[in-house]
Amino acid sequence: MQTNFFRQLAKLNLVGDLKLIFRQVEGSGFVLTVLLNNERCGDKAKNLILPFNLNGTAEELDNGFFEKIATPLQTASGLMVNMEAFMKSLEEAQKKSAMEKEKADKDKKEKEAKEKKYKDAFQKAEELEKEGKYKEAWSALPKVSAYPEFAEIINKKQDEYASHFAPSLFSANTNENVQSSNP
């Protein structure tokens, strides 16, 4: 005797383990319990899917078995596959979220460290300015190339300090001093 039972099951393309429990009940009837379980699905909600029960005679089960189980089992199979894909995407999103948060924290710390370095250098320059050490103050200023966002402030301070360096031959004060020393 040849049957096509397993070929029919293969056509359903189910993902997981199919468990069949066949039990004879009083008279000529049978109860067939069908449960699809996908161990790869990590979502515990899969355990809420109840077994599918069919009642009938042997002839009724032979004639209507695949018509009755095809849609529910394919739906359950698809649901568990989607649940697993969903769980994996959640894990991936969580990892990426942690990575993005870590990256943002790192960027924030680097920015804060850079700003602190800028402020410390600027403060050092101002302390030297108070002592009248303008050349040292000019040298202590942060470099424009390292802090382009503060270029205008740094350049202004550099010009201010440079005005206190040794007088230029071309400045107005120097000419007046030269003229007043010639009788």
C-alpha atoms as a PDB file:
ATOM      1  CA  MET A   1       0.000   0.000   0.000  1.00  0.00           C
ATOM      2  CA  GLN A   2       1.353   3.377  -0.959  1.00  0.00           C
ATOM      3  CA  THR A   3       0.386   6.622   0.759  1.00  0.00           C
ATOM      4  CA  ASN A   4       1.204  10.210  -0.015  1.00  0.00           C
ATOM      5  CA  PHE A   5       0.916  11.429   3.595  1.00  0.00           C
ATOM      6  CA  PHE A   6       4.519  12.636   3.903  1.00  0.00           C
ATOM      7  CA  ARG A   7       4.545  14.252   0.463  1.00  0.00           C
ATOM      8  CA  GLN A   8       1.447  16.192   1.476  1.00  0.00           C
ATOM      9  CA  LEU A   9       3.172  17.279   4.710  1.00  0.00           C
ATOM     10  CA  ALA A  10       6.264  18.364   2.762  1.00  0.00           C
ATOM     11  CA  LYS A  11       4.082  20.557   0.520  1.00  0.00           C
ATOM     12  CA  LEU A  12       2.993  22.544   3.577  1.00  0.00           C
ATOM     13  CA  ASN A  13       6.579  23.889   4.005  1.00  0.00           C
ATOM     14  CA  LEU A  14       6.302  24.048   7.768  1.00  0.00           C
ATOM     15  CA  VAL A  15       9.217  25.289   9.855  1.00  0.00           C
ATOM     16  CA  GLY A  16       9.588  23.394  13.097  1.00  0.00           C
ATOM     17  CA  ASP A  17       8.669  20.045  14.595  1.00  0.00           C
ATOM     18  CA  LEU A  18       5.243  18.644  13.860  1.00  0.00           C
ATOM     19  CA  LYS A  19       3.864  16.485  16.660  1.00  0.00           C
ATOM     20  CA  LEU A  20       0.893  14.240  16.012  1.00  0.00           C
ATOM     21  CA  ILE A  21      -0.975  12.384  18.728  1.00  0.00           C
ATOM     22  CA  PHE A  22      -3.537   9.904  17.493  1.00  0.00           C
ATOM     23  CA  ARG A  23      -5.963   8.510  20.095  1.00  0.00           C
ATOM     24  CA  GLN A  24      -8.936   6.212  19.678  1.00  0.00           C
ATOM     25  CA  VAL A  25     -12.033   7.195  21.605  1.00  0.00           C
ATOM     26  CA  GLU A  26     -15.232   5.273  22.358  1.00  0.00           C
ATOM     27  CA  GLY A  27     -16.846   3.753  19.322  1.00  0.00           C
ATOM     28  CA  SER A  28     -15.203   4.227  15.951  1.00  0.00           C
ATOM     29  CA  GLY A  29     -13.951   7.761  16.531  1.00  0.00           C
ATOM     30  CA  PHE A  30     -10.511   9.202  16.879  1.00  0.00           C
ATOM     31  CA  VAL A  31      -8.978  12.387  18.231  1.00  0.00           C
ATOM     32  CA  LEU A  32      -5.960  13.692  16.396  1.00  0.00           C
ATOM     33  CA  THR A  33      -3.909  16.396  18.124  1.00  0.00           C
ATOM     34  CA  VAL A  34      -1.507  18.362  15.951  1.00  0.00           C
ATOM     35  CA  LEU A  35       1.120  20.715  17.387  1.00  0.00           C
ATOM     36  CA  LEU A  36       3.807  22.638  15.556  1.00  0.00           C
ATOM     37  CA  ASN A  37       6.804  23.697  17.617  1.00  0.00           C
ATOM     38  CA  ASN A  38       9.713  25.801  16.383  1.00  0.00           C
ATOM     39  CA  GLU A  39      12.642  25.587  18.824  1.00  0.00           C
ATOM     40  CA  ARG A  40      14.530  28.308  16.935  1.00  0.00           C
ATOM     41  CA  CYS A  41      11.855  30.803  17.917  1.00  0.00           C
ATOM     42  CA  GLY A  42      13.101  32.503  21.085  1.00  0.00           C
ATOM     43  CA  ASP A  43       9.823  34.246  21.877  1.00  0.00           C
ATOM     44  CA  LYS A  44       8.019  32.497  24.732  1.00  0.00           C
ATOM     45  CA  ALA A  45       4.692  33.604  23.258  1.00  0.00           C
ATOM     46  CA  LYS A  46       4.994  30.608  20.918  1.00  0.00           C
ATOM     47  CA  ASN A  47       4.024  28.461  23.922  1.00  0.00           C
ATOM     48  CA  LEU A  48       0.609  30.132  23.914  1.00  0.00           C
ATOM     49  CA  ILE A  49      -0.252  28.475  20.608  1.00  0.00           C
ATOM     50  CA  LEU A  50      -2.589  25.615  21.458  1.00  0.00           C
ATOM     51  CA  PRO A  51      -2.564  22.247  19.713  1.00  0.00           C
ATOM     52  CA  PHE A  52      -5.033  21.790  16.875  1.00  0.00           C
ATOM     53  CA  ASN A  53      -7.549  18.990  17.605  1.00  0.00           C
ATOM     54  CA  LEU A  54      -9.499  17.020  15.022  1.00  0.00           C
ATOM     55  CA  ASN A  55     -12.282  14.598  15.874  1.00  0.00           C
ATOM     56  CA  GLY A  56     -13.719  12.069  13.478  1.00  0.00           C
ATOM     57  CA  THR A  57     -13.767   8.597  12.124  1.00  0.00           C
ATOM     58  CA  ALA A  58     -10.759   7.137  10.334  1.00  0.00           C
ATOM     59  CA  GLU A  59     -12.446   7.775   6.995  1.00  0.00           C
ATOM     60  CA  GLU A  60     -13.261  11.419   7.887  1.00  0.00           C
ATOM     61  CA  LEU A  61      -9.687  12.052   8.998  1.00  0.00           C
ATOM     62  CA  ASP A  62      -8.316  10.420   5.821  1.00  0.00           C
ATOM     63  CA  ASN A  63     -10.519  12.579   3.618  1.00  0.00           C
ATOM     64  CA  GLY A  64     -10.248  15.964   5.360  1.00  0.00           C
ATOM     65  CA  PHE A  65      -7.006  15.947   7.322  1.00  0.00           C
ATOM     66  CA  PHE A  66      -4.841  18.150   5.071  1.00  0.00           C
ATOM     67  CA  GLU A  67      -7.671  20.540   4.198  1.00  0.00           C
ATOM     68  CA  LYS A  68      -8.309  21.122   7.897  1.00  0.00           C
ATOM     69  CA  ILE A  69      -4.690  21.500   9.083  1.00  0.00           C
ATOM     70  CA  ALA A  70      -3.012  23.282   6.148  1.00  0.00           C
ATOM     71  CA  THR A  71      -4.058  26.897   6.854  1.00  0.00           C
ATOM     72  CA  PRO A  72      -3.765  26.827  10.673  1.00  0.00           C
ATOM     73  CA  LEU A  73      -0.345  25.106  10.613  1.00  0.00           C
ATOM     74  CA  GLN A  74       1.032  27.376   7.887  1.00  0.00           C
ATOM     75  CA  THR A  75      -0.219  30.391   9.836  1.00  0.00           C
ATOM     76  CA  ALA A  76       1.401  29.122  13.054  1.00  0.00           C
ATOM     77  CA  SER A  77       4.626  28.328  11.221  1.00  0.00           C
ATOM     78  CA  GLY A  78       4.740  31.794   9.657  1.00  0.00           C
ATOM     79  CA  LEU A  79       3.936  33.415  12.982  1.00  0.00           C
ATOM     80  CA  MET A  80       6.802  31.635  14.771  1.00  0.00           C
ATOM     81  CA  VAL A  81       9.232  32.475  11.969  1.00  0.00           C
ATOM     82  CA  ASN A  82       8.135  36.129  12.157  1.00  0.00           C
ATOM     83  CA  MET A  83       8.397  36.092  15.948  1.00  0.00           C
ATOM     84  CA  GLU A  84      11.979  34.833  15.689  1.00  0.00           C
ATOM     85  CA  ALA A  85      12.855  37.452  13.070  1.00  0.00           C
ATOM     86  CA  PHE A  86      11.233  40.082  15.273  1.00  0.00           C
ATOM     87  CA  MET A  87      13.220  38.967  18.323  1.00  0.00           C
ATOM     88  CA  LYS A  88      16.462  39.054  16.340  1.00  0.00           C
ATOM     89  CA  SER A  89      15.671  42.537  15.041  1.00  0.00           C
ATOM     90  CA  LEU A  90      14.960  43.692  18.601  1.00  0.00           C
ATOM     91  CA  GLU A  91      18.302  42.334  19.771  1.00  0.00           C
ATOM     92  CA  GLU A  92      20.074  44.016  16.853  1.00  0.00           C
ATOM     93  CA  ALA A  93      18.295  47.311  17.517  1.00  0.00           C
ATOM     94  CA  GLN A  94      19.224  47.101  21.189  1.00  0.00           C
ATOM     95  CA  LYS A  95      22.890  46.473  20.322  1.00  0.00           C
ATOM     96  CA  LYS A  96      22.929  49.348  17.869  1.00  0.00           C
ATOM     97  CA  SER A  97      21.201  51.576  20.357  1.00  0.00           C
ATOM     98  CA  ALA A  98      23.824  50.737  22.983  1.00  0.00           C
ATOM     99  CA  MET A  99      26.580  51.295  20.423  1.00  0.00           C
ATOM    100  CA  GLU A 100      25.099  54.643  19.371  1.00  0.00           C
ATOM    101  CA  LYS A 101      24.727  55.710  22.999  1.00  0.00           C
ATOM    102  CA  GLU A 102      28.303  54.655  23.698  1.00  0.00           C
ATOM    103  CA  LYS A 103      29.523  56.542  20.620  1.00  0.00           C
ATOM    104  CA  ALA A 104      27.526  59.642  21.598  1.00  0.00           C
ATOM    105  CA  ASP A 105      28.933  59.462  25.139  1.00  0.00           C
ATOM    106  CA  LYS A 106      32.456  59.094  23.763  1.00  0.00           C
ATOM    107  CA  ASP A 107      31.973  62.042  21.390  1.00  0.00           C
ATOM    108  CA  LYS A 108      30.556  64.133  24.224  1.00  0.00           C
ATOM    109  CA  LYS A 109      33.512  63.287  26.494  1.00  0.00           C
ATOM    110  CA  GLU A 110      35.995  64.112  23.731  1.00  0.00           C
ATOM    111  CA  LYS A 111      34.264  67.436  23.072  1.00  0.00           C
ATOM    112  CA  GLU A 112      34.213  68.264  26.783  1.00  0.00           C
ATOM    113  CA  ALA A 113      37.907  67.385  27.095  1.00  0.00           C
ATOM    114  CA  LYS A 114      38.756  69.545  24.090  1.00  0.00           C
ATOM    115  CA  GLU A 115      36.750  72.477  25.457  1.00  0.00           C
ATOM    116  CA  LYS A 116      38.436  72.096  28.857  1.00  0.00           C
ATOM    117  CA  LYS A 117      41.849  72.124  27.198  1.00  0.00           C
ATOM    118  CA  TYR A 118      40.860  75.281  25.293  1.00  0.00           C
ATOM    119  CA  LYS A 119      39.588  77.009  28.448  1.00  0.00           C
ATOM    120  CA  ASP A 120      42.691  76.020  30.429  1.00  0.00           C
ATOM    121  CA  ALA A 121      45.008  77.407  27.724  1.00  0.00           C
ATOM    122  CA  PHE A 122      42.972  80.600  27.475  1.00  0.00           C
ATOM    123  CA  GLN A 123      42.985  81.010  31.261  1.00  0.00           C
ATOM    124  CA  LYS A 124      46.768  80.488  31.351  1.00  0.00           C
ATOM    125  CA  ALA A 125      47.188  83.171  28.694  1.00  0.00           C
ATOM    126  CA  GLU A 126      45.050  85.616  30.689  1.00  0.00           C
ATOM    127  CA  GLU A 127      47.100  84.943  33.842  1.00  0.00           C
ATOM    128  CA  LEU A 128      50.292  85.702  31.918  1.00  0.00           C
ATOM    129  CA  GLU A 129      48.647  88.861  30.540  1.00  0.00           C
ATOM    130  CA  LYS A 130      47.927  90.050  34.103  1.00  0.00           C
ATOM    131  CA  GLU A 131      51.620  89.579  34.890  1.00  0.00           C
ATOM    132  CA  GLY A 132      52.509  91.678  31.853  1.00  0.00           C
ATOM    133  CA  LYS A 133      54.068  88.731  30.009  1.00  0.00           C
ATOM    134  CA  TYR A 134      52.393  89.341  26.652  1.00  0.00           C
ATOM    135  CA  LYS A 135      54.710  87.219  24.519  1.00  0.00           C
ATOM    136  CA  GLU A 136      54.242  84.235  26.817  1.00  0.00           C
ATOM    137  CA  ALA A 137      50.495  84.931  26.908  1.00  0.00           C
ATOM    138  CA  TRP A 138      50.400  85.025  23.094  1.00  0.00           C
ATOM    139  CA  SER A 139      52.269  81.695  22.972  1.00  0.00           C
ATOM    140  CA  ALA A 140      49.993  80.161  25.619  1.00  0.00           C
ATOM    141  CA  LEU A 141      46.837  80.886  23.611  1.00  0.00           C
ATOM    142  CA  PRO A 142      45.218  77.839  22.008  1.00  0.00           C
ATOM    143  CA  LYS A 143      46.098  77.305  18.337  1.00  0.00           C
ATOM    144  CA  VAL A 144      43.493  78.341  15.781  1.00  0.00           C
ATOM    145  CA  SER A 145      44.163  75.147  13.811  1.00  0.00           C
ATOM    146  CA  ALA A 146      43.155  73.043  16.828  1.00  0.00           C
ATOM    147  CA  TYR A 147      40.094  75.173  17.664  1.00  0.00           C
ATOM    148  CA  PRO A 148      38.700  76.623  14.427  1.00  0.00           C
ATOM    149  CA  GLU A 149      35.350  77.263  16.112  1.00  0.00           C
ATOM    150  CA  PHE A 150      37.084  79.827  18.362  1.00  0.00           C
ATOM    151  CA  ALA A 151      39.272  81.343  15.622  1.00  0.00           C
ATOM    152  CA  GLU A 152      37.797  84.850  15.889  1.00  0.00           C
ATOM    153  CA  ILE A 153      38.302  85.018  19.671  1.00  0.00           C
ATOM    154  CA  ILE A 154      41.840  83.616  19.505  1.00  0.00           C
ATOM    155  CA  ASN A 155      42.891  85.957  16.671  1.00  0.00           C
ATOM    156  CA  LYS A 156      41.481  88.968  18.545  1.00  0.00           C
ATOM    157  CA  LYS A 157      43.437  88.044  21.678  1.00  0.00           C
ATOM    158  CA  GLN A 158      46.618  87.438  19.642  1.00  0.00           C
ATOM    159  CA  ASP A 159      46.304  90.918  18.096  1.00  0.00           C
ATOM    160  CA  GLU A 160      45.715  92.418  21.546  1.00  0.00           C
ATOM    161  CA  TYR A 161      48.839  90.732  22.951  1.00  0.00           C
ATOM    162  CA  ALA A 162      50.913  91.577  19.869  1.00  0.00           C
ATOM    163  CA  SER A 163      50.160  95.267  20.374  1.00  0.00           C
ATOM    164  CA  HIS A 164      52.142  95.069  23.639  1.00  0.00           C
ATOM    165  CA  PHE A 165      55.276  93.628  22.015  1.00  0.00           C
ATOM    166  CA  ALA A 166      58.300  95.820  21.281  1.00  0.00           C
ATOM    167  CA  PRO A 167      57.176  98.925  19.360  1.00  0.00           C
ATOM    168  CA  SER A 168      57.285  98.841  15.605  1.00  0.00           C
ATOM    169  CA  LEU A 169      59.239 101.362  13.585  1.00  0.00           C
ATOM    170  CA  PHE A 170      56.062 102.111  11.728  1.00  0.00           C
ATOM    171  CA  SER A 171      53.728 102.791  14.665  1.00  0.00           C
ATOM    172  CA  ALA A 172      52.547 106.339  15.404  1.00  0.00           C
ATOM    173  CA  ASN A 173      54.047 106.398  18.905  1.00  0.00           C
ATOM    174  CA  THR A 174      57.503 105.604  17.620  1.00  0.00           C
ATOM    175  CA  ASN A 175      57.456 108.430  15.096  1.00  0.00           C
ATOM    176  CA  GLU A 176      56.483 110.949  17.752  1.00  0.00           C
ATOM    177  CA  ASN A 177      59.293 109.743  20.002  1.00  0.00           C
ATOM    178  CA  VAL A 178      61.799 110.009  17.169  1.00  0.00           C
ATOM    179  CA  GLN A 179      60.664 113.550  16.217  1.00  0.00           C
ATOM    180  CA  SER A 180      60.740 114.766  19.793  1.00  0.00           C
ATOM    181  CA  SER A 181      64.295 113.507  20.278  1.00  0.00           C
ATOM    182  CA  ASN A 182      65.549 115.500  17.207  1.00  0.00           C
ATOM    183  CA  PRO A 183      66.059 119.228  18.051  1.00  0.00           C
END
